[in-house]
């Protein structure tokens, strides 16, 4: 559908509905602008390098005694 055809269809509907069409077009445009902003803000790889530490045995099962201790609940 061409722009002229769309414009002619919009002209045929009542003014109240024309306002809804305008609101919807504004919504679509703002959504497009927001997605463009998200594309512009890229995360940088390695930003937290050296800031985190993980134990070598992090994936080993925890001993039962540590699961029941009060200090494990903190």
Protein backbone atom coordinates (compact mmCIF):
# COMPACT_ATOMS: atom_id res chain seq x y z
CA UNK A 1 0.00 0.00 0.00
CA UNK A 2 1.35 3.38 -0.98
CA UNK A 3 1.48 6.46 1.19
CA UNK A 4 -1.22 8.18 -0.84
CA UNK A 5 -3.57 5.21 -0.47
CA UNK A 6 -2.99 5.19 3.27
CA UNK A 7 -3.62 8.93 3.49
CA UNK A 8 -6.88 8.58 1.54
CA UNK A 9 -8.07 5.82 3.89
CA UNK A 10 -7.25 7.92 6.95
CA UNK A 11 -9.18 10.87 5.48
CA UNK A 12 -12.28 8.67 5.16
CA UNK A 13 -12.51 7.76 8.85
CA UNK A 14 -14.10 9.99 11.52
CA UNK A 15 -11.85 12.57 13.24
CA UNK A 16 -11.86 10.70 16.56
CA UNK A 17 -10.43 7.64 14.84
CA UNK A 18 -7.95 9.80 12.95
CA UNK A 19 -6.62 10.89 16.34
CA UNK A 20 -6.21 7.23 17.32
CA UNK A 21 -4.31 6.60 14.09
CA UNK A 22 -2.05 9.55 14.84
CA UNK A 23 -1.46 8.28 18.39
CA UNK A 24 -0.61 4.85 17.04
CA UNK A 25 1.84 6.31 14.51
CA UNK A 26 3.48 8.31 17.31
CA UNK A 27 3.74 5.12 19.38
CA UNK A 28 5.38 3.23 16.50
CA UNK A 29 7.86 6.06 15.93
CA UNK A 30 8.79 6.30 19.62
CA UNK A 31 9.24 2.52 19.77
CA UNK A 32 11.54 2.66 16.76
CA UNK A 33 13.57 5.46 18.34
CA UNK A 34 13.92 3.52 21.60
CA UNK A 35 15.16 0.44 19.76
CA UNK A 36 17.68 2.60 17.89
CA UNK A 37 18.92 3.94 21.25
CA UNK A 38 19.37 0.40 22.55
CA UNK A 39 21.44 -0.49 19.50
CA UNK A 40 23.65 2.56 20.09
CA UNK A 41 24.44 1.54 23.69
CA UNK A 42 26.47 -1.64 23.37
CA UNK A 43 27.94 -3.47 26.32
CA UNK A 44 31.71 -3.67 26.36
CA UNK A 45 33.30 -7.10 26.70
CA UNK A 46 35.66 -7.50 29.64
CA UNK A 47 34.37 -4.53 31.60
CA UNK A 48 34.46 -6.51 34.88
CA UNK A 49 37.64 -8.47 34.16
CA UNK A 50 39.63 -8.92 37.33
CA UNK A 51 36.83 -7.61 39.56
CA UNK A 52 35.19 -10.97 40.31
CA UNK A 53 36.58 -14.03 42.00
CA UNK A 54 35.20 -17.53 42.02
CA UNK A 55 36.46 -20.46 44.03
CA UNK A 56 38.07 -23.29 42.05
CA UNK A 57 35.55 -25.73 43.55
CA UNK A 58 32.44 -23.59 42.98
CA UNK A 59 30.69 -26.38 41.11
CA UNK A 60 31.38 -29.07 43.71
CA UNK A 61 28.50 -30.11 45.99
CA UNK A 62 28.45 -28.22 49.27
CA UNK A 63 29.12 -30.27 52.39
CA UNK A 64 25.96 -31.06 54.38
CA UNK A 65 27.41 -29.42 57.50
CA UNK A 66 27.74 -26.06 55.75
CA UNK A 67 24.12 -26.19 54.59
CA UNK A 68 22.83 -26.59 58.16
CA UNK A 69 25.07 -24.02 59.85
CA UNK A 70 23.61 -20.66 60.94
CA UNK A 71 26.41 -18.75 59.18
CA UNK A 72 25.29 -20.25 55.85
CA UNK A 73 21.88 -18.60 56.32
CA UNK A 74 23.33 -15.06 56.40
